[in-house]
Amino acid sequence: SLPSETMALQVLCWLTLTSLLVTCSSAAKLLDDFGGIEADDSLSAVKANADAMLHALQSAHNANDVVADRTVWIPQGKKYYMMPVRISGLSSVTVRVDGELLASDIIDEWAKIVPGEDPFLSMFNLSTSEHILFTGHGRIDGQGHKWWVKTILREIPDARPHLIYIEKTHNVTVENLRFSNSPMYHIKLQDVDQVVIRGIDIKVDIGVQQILLTTHGHWDHANKRPTFPLNTDGIDPNGKNIH
């Protein structure tokens, strides 16, 4: 058996580590602290969650230099539906998703961009920022099915929202997350520098897409391919030093 002094030291180390982990977790910015509403896809909730995300990101940006203080965290088991968020000028901010973030599919209320740009804002719109990390073991889902239907029926322009749109930003890492069913691209990079993407998983329900396209006469059965591709790309990069 271990000497009592050794056992006491191990217990002390464990308690210290546990205390550090709790402190880090509690220091992170949670959507609930900014008016977020969990597991509710109503219009009022998705707008509240977009506003909560915006204020959480701003709070993280303005925090001290402790990493946990500069983190927006979606804990495991938490699920939030949200409208798009547009923000610029962030520095050294982490978005950690261990739960789920889902794009609202209330298309008629989805925020528009100024004339001359793409018709719809993306779920995350980030520009002129630096040292940004998207990480975690959770999922970001675009709930793209309604968008695909409206695109096939030509009820909306074929320029749907992306899940993450990053522009004129440098030193970005996207890692370990799961992405699914974006209305359009899952990650779009425009005029970026020093970007690392690693360990992510991107899935699209192509079975549903095929059914939708077949129903509306846009499937080439002979060649087993769509005649009206929905372009739900995984990553669409534009910039330099992208790995």
Protein backbone atom coordinates (compact mmCIF):
# COMPACT_ATOMS: atom_id res chain seq x y z
CA SER A 1 0.00 0.00 0.00
CA LEU A 2 1.06 3.60 -0.58
CA PRO A 3 2.42 5.64 2.33
CA SER A 4 -0.14 7.99 3.80
CA GLU A 5 1.94 11.01 2.72
CA THR A 6 1.85 9.84 -0.93
CA MET A 7 -1.90 9.23 -0.81
CA ALA A 8 -2.47 12.65 0.71
CA LEU A 9 -0.40 14.27 -2.04
CA GLN A 10 -2.36 12.44 -4.75
CA VAL A 11 -5.66 13.56 -3.24
CA LEU A 12 -4.40 17.14 -3.02
CA CYS A 13 -3.29 17.06 -6.67
CA TRP A 14 -6.67 15.65 -7.74
CA LEU A 15 -8.55 18.31 -5.80
CA THR A 16 -6.36 21.04 -7.27
CA LEU A 17 -6.91 19.76 -10.84
CA THR A 18 -10.66 19.47 -10.26
CA SER A 19 -10.74 23.00 -8.90
CA LEU A 20 -8.89 24.29 -11.96
CA LEU A 21 -11.29 22.53 -14.33
CA VAL A 22 -14.34 23.89 -12.53
CA THR A 23 -12.85 27.36 -12.52
CA CYS A 24 -12.13 27.21 -16.25
CA SER A 25 -15.64 25.96 -17.03
CA SER A 26 -17.33 28.55 -14.87
CA ALA A 27 -15.26 31.35 -16.42
CA ALA A 28 -16.43 30.54 -19.96
CA LYS A 29 -19.26 32.57 -21.45
CA LEU A 30 -22.54 30.63 -21.53
CA LEU A 31 -25.49 31.62 -23.70
CA ASP A 32 -27.84 31.28 -20.74
CA ASP A 33 -25.96 34.10 -19.03
CA PHE A 34 -26.82 36.41 -21.93
CA GLY A 35 -30.49 35.50 -22.30
CA GLY A 36 -30.13 32.32 -24.35
CA ILE A 37 -33.05 29.87 -24.43
CA GLU A 38 -32.24 26.17 -24.62
CA ALA A 39 -34.00 23.61 -26.86
CA ASP A 40 -36.58 26.05 -28.24
CA ASP A 41 -36.90 26.69 -31.98
CA SER A 42 -39.58 29.38 -31.77
CA LEU A 43 -38.92 32.71 -33.47
CA SER A 44 -38.50 34.56 -30.20
CA ALA A 45 -36.01 31.96 -28.94
CA VAL A 46 -33.83 31.82 -32.07
CA LYS A 47 -33.59 35.62 -32.09
CA ALA A 48 -32.74 35.63 -28.39
CA ASN A 49 -30.04 33.02 -28.94
CA ALA A 50 -28.45 34.99 -31.79
CA ASP A 51 -28.38 38.04 -29.56
CA ALA A 52 -26.95 35.97 -26.70
CA MET A 53 -24.20 34.59 -28.95
CA LEU A 54 -23.31 38.07 -30.17
CA HIS A 55 -23.02 39.44 -26.63
CA ALA A 56 -21.13 36.36 -25.42
CA LEU A 57 -18.56 36.81 -28.22
CA GLN A 58 -18.18 40.48 -27.40
CA SER A 59 -17.77 39.67 -23.71
CA ALA A 60 -15.10 37.06 -24.49
CA HIS A 61 -13.26 39.55 -26.68
CA ASN A 62 -13.27 42.13 -23.89
CA ALA A 63 -12.20 39.69 -21.15
CA ASN A 64 -8.76 39.37 -19.58
CA ASP A 65 -6.06 37.15 -21.07
CA VAL A 66 -7.14 33.92 -19.32
CA VAL A 67 -8.17 31.48 -22.06
CA ALA A 68 -11.31 30.34 -20.24
CA ASP A 69 -12.48 33.92 -19.87
CA ARG A 70 -12.16 34.39 -23.63
CA THR A 71 -14.22 31.29 -24.47
CA VAL A 72 -17.87 31.00 -25.49
CA TRP A 73 -18.96 27.51 -24.45
CA ILE A 74 -21.89 25.31 -25.46
CA PRO A 75 -21.72 22.48 -22.89
CA GLN A 76 -22.46 18.86 -23.67
CA GLY A 77 -26.18 18.13 -23.49
CA LYS A 78 -27.16 21.70 -24.37
CA LYS A 79 -28.95 22.53 -27.64
CA TYR A 80 -29.61 25.98 -29.05
CA TYR A 81 -31.41 27.03 -32.22
CA MET A 82 -30.32 30.42 -33.53
CA MET A 83 -30.59 33.05 -36.21
CA PRO A 84 -27.38 34.34 -37.82
CA VAL A 85 -24.71 36.29 -35.98
CA ARG A 86 -22.50 38.90 -37.63
CA ILE A 87 -19.44 40.22 -35.83
CA SER A 88 -16.03 41.71 -36.65
CA GLY A 89 -12.88 42.75 -34.86
CA LEU A 90 -12.55 39.77 -32.53
CA SER A 91 -9.14 38.79 -31.17
CA SER A 92 -8.05 35.64 -29.30
CA VAL A 93 -11.56 34.24 -28.89
CA THR A 94 -12.54 30.56 -28.66
CA VAL A 95 -15.93 29.14 -29.57
CA ARG A 96 -16.21 25.72 -27.94
CA VAL A 97 -19.18 23.59 -28.94
CA ASP A 98 -19.60 20.38 -26.96
CA GLY A 99 -23.39 20.42 -27.27
CA GLU A 100 -25.39 21.40 -30.36
CA LEU A 101 -25.95 24.60 -32.31
CA LEU A 102 -28.67 24.47 -34.96
CA ALA A 103 -29.48 27.09 -37.57
CA SER A 104 -33.10 28.18 -37.48
CA ASP A 105 -35.14 27.05 -40.49
CA ILE A 106 -37.62 29.95 -40.22
CA ILE A 107 -36.52 31.15 -43.64
CA ASP A 108 -38.89 34.10 -43.98
CA GLU A 109 -37.35 35.65 -40.86
CA TRP A 110 -33.72 34.87 -41.69
CA ALA A 111 -31.64 38.04 -41.65
CA LYS A 112 -30.81 39.63 -44.98
CA ILE A 113 -27.53 41.21 -46.03
CA VAL A 114 -27.19 44.66 -47.53
CA PRO A 115 -28.00 44.90 -51.26
CA GLY A 116 -25.23 43.77 -53.56
CA GLU A 117 -24.02 40.94 -51.34
CA ASP A 118 -25.32 37.38 -50.91
CA PRO A 119 -29.05 37.44 -50.09
CA PHE A 120 -28.70 35.75 -46.70
CA LEU A 121 -26.35 36.05 -43.77
CA SER A 122 -24.53 32.88 -42.76
CA MET A 123 -25.02 31.30 -39.33
CA PHE A 124 -21.64 32.64 -38.15
CA ASN A 125 -20.33 35.69 -40.04
CA LEU A 126 -16.86 36.65 -38.86
CA SER A 127 -14.64 39.31 -40.44
CA THR A 128 -11.45 41.31 -39.78
CA SER A 129 -10.51 39.20 -36.76
CA GLU A 130 -7.46 37.29 -35.56
CA HIS A 131 -6.50 34.26 -33.47
CA ILE A 132 -9.90 32.58 -33.54
CA LEU A 133 -10.53 28.97 -32.51
CA PHE A 134 -13.65 26.91 -33.24
CA THR A 135 -13.34 23.66 -31.29
CA GLY A 136 -15.17 21.06 -29.23
CA HIS A 137 -16.77 17.66 -29.74
CA GLY A 138 -20.29 18.83 -30.50
CA ARG A 139 -22.30 19.51 -33.64
CA ILE A 140 -23.25 22.52 -35.74
CA ASP A 141 -26.28 21.66 -37.88
CA GLY A 142 -27.73 23.80 -40.65
CA GLN A 143 -31.19 22.19 -40.87
CA GLY A 144 -30.90 22.71 -44.60
CA HIS A 145 -33.90 20.67 -45.76
CA LYS A 146 -36.39 23.57 -46.06
CA TRP A 147 -33.75 25.71 -47.76
CA TRP A 148 -33.14 22.97 -50.32
CA VAL A 149 -36.84 22.65 -51.10
CA LYS A 150 -37.28 26.40 -51.60
CA THR A 151 -34.19 26.49 -53.81
CA ILE A 152 -35.44 23.65 -55.99
CA LEU A 153 -38.79 25.41 -56.34
CA ARG A 154 -36.93 28.66 -57.10
CA GLU A 155 -38.72 30.44 -54.27
CA ILE A 156 -35.41 31.84 -53.00
CA PRO A 157 -32.11 32.68 -54.77
CA ASP A 158 -29.55 29.89 -55.06
CA ALA A 159 -27.28 31.62 -52.53
CA ARG A 160 -28.27 30.15 -49.22
CA PRO A 161 -26.56 30.63 -45.83
CA HIS A 162 -23.31 28.92 -44.95
CA LEU A 163 -22.71 27.62 -41.44
CA ILE A 164 -19.43 29.48 -40.90
CA TYR A 165 -18.31 32.36 -43.10
CA ILE A 166 -14.92 33.86 -42.29
CA GLU A 167 -13.60 36.88 -44.19
CA LYS A 168 -10.43 38.99 -44.03
CA THR A 169 -9.27 37.16 -40.91
CA HIS A 170 -5.96 35.52 -39.99
CA ASN A 171 -4.80 32.81 -37.60
CA VAL A 172 -7.94 30.69 -37.45
CA THR A 173 -8.30 27.07 -36.37
CA VAL A 174 -11.38 24.91 -36.83
CA GLU A 175 -11.00 21.49 -35.22
CA ASN A 176 -12.79 18.35 -34.03
CA LEU A 177 -16.34 19.59 -34.61
CA ARG A 178 -19.12 17.84 -36.51
CA PHE A 179 -20.99 19.78 -39.20
CA SER A 180 -24.14 18.66 -40.96
CA ASN A 181 -26.82 19.67 -43.46
CA SER A 182 -25.79 23.23 -44.17
CA PRO A 183 -28.20 25.17 -46.40
CA MET A 184 -25.15 25.77 -48.61
CA TYR A 185 -21.42 25.52 -47.75
CA HIS A 186 -20.47 24.28 -44.30
CA ILE A 187 -17.34 26.44 -44.06
CA LYS A 188 -16.61 29.31 -46.46
CA LEU A 189 -13.30 31.14 -46.23
CA GLN A 190 -12.77 34.41 -48.07
CA ASP A 191 -9.50 36.38 -48.18
CA VAL A 192 -8.06 34.61 -45.12
CA ASP A 193 -4.51 33.86 -44.01
CA GLN A 194 -3.05 31.18 -41.73
CA VAL A 195 -6.04 28.87 -41.36
CA VAL A 196 -5.87 25.31 -40.02
CA ILE A 197 -8.78 22.89 -40.35
CA ARG A 198 -8.31 19.48 -38.76
CA GLY A 199 -10.23 16.56 -37.34
CA ILE A 200 -13.67 17.77 -38.39
CA ASP A 201 -16.54 15.68 -39.74
CA ILE A 202 -18.98 16.97 -42.38
CA LYS A 203 -22.11 15.07 -43.39
CA VAL A 204 -25.04 15.89 -45.65
CA ASP A 205 -28.24 13.86 -45.91
CA ILE A 206 -27.83 13.10 -49.62
CA GLY A 207 -30.68 10.60 -49.46
CA VAL A 208 -33.10 13.42 -48.64
CA GLN A 209 -31.54 15.59 -51.33
CA GLN A 210 -32.03 12.84 -53.93
CA ILE A 211 -35.69 12.40 -52.95
CA LEU A 212 -36.30 16.14 -53.18
CA LEU A 213 -34.56 16.44 -56.55
CA THR A 214 -36.32 13.37 -57.95
CA THR A 215 -39.72 14.64 -56.80
CA HIS A 216 -39.20 17.90 -58.65
CA GLY A 217 -37.65 16.42 -61.80
CA HIS A 218 -34.03 17.30 -61.16
CA TRP A 219 -32.46 13.84 -61.00
CA ASP A 220 -30.73 12.15 -63.93
CA HIS A 221 -31.60 8.49 -63.33
CA ALA A 222 -29.48 7.22 -66.22
CA ASN A 223 -26.30 8.78 -64.86
CA LYS A 224 -27.35 8.73 -61.19
CA ARG A 225 -26.62 12.37 -60.59
CA PRO A 226 -28.54 15.62 -60.01
CA THR A 227 -29.34 17.94 -62.88
CA PHE A 228 -29.71 20.77 -60.35
CA PRO A 229 -26.90 20.33 -57.80
CA LEU A 230 -27.57 21.86 -54.39
CA ASN A 231 -23.88 22.68 -53.79
CA THR A 232 -23.69 21.83 -50.11
CA ASP A 233 -19.88 21.88 -50.19
CA GLY A 234 -17.83 20.95 -47.16
CA ILE A 235 -15.19 23.68 -47.30
CA ASP A 236 -14.90 26.47 -49.88
CA PRO A 237 -11.49 28.13 -49.32
CA ASN A 238 -10.13 31.40 -50.69
CA GLY A 239 -6.96 32.89 -49.27
CA LYS A 240 -3.44 31.75 -48.44
CA ASN A 241 -1.71 29.43 -46.00
CA ILE A 242 -4.82 27.28 -45.57
CA HIS A 243 -4.06 23.80 -44.23
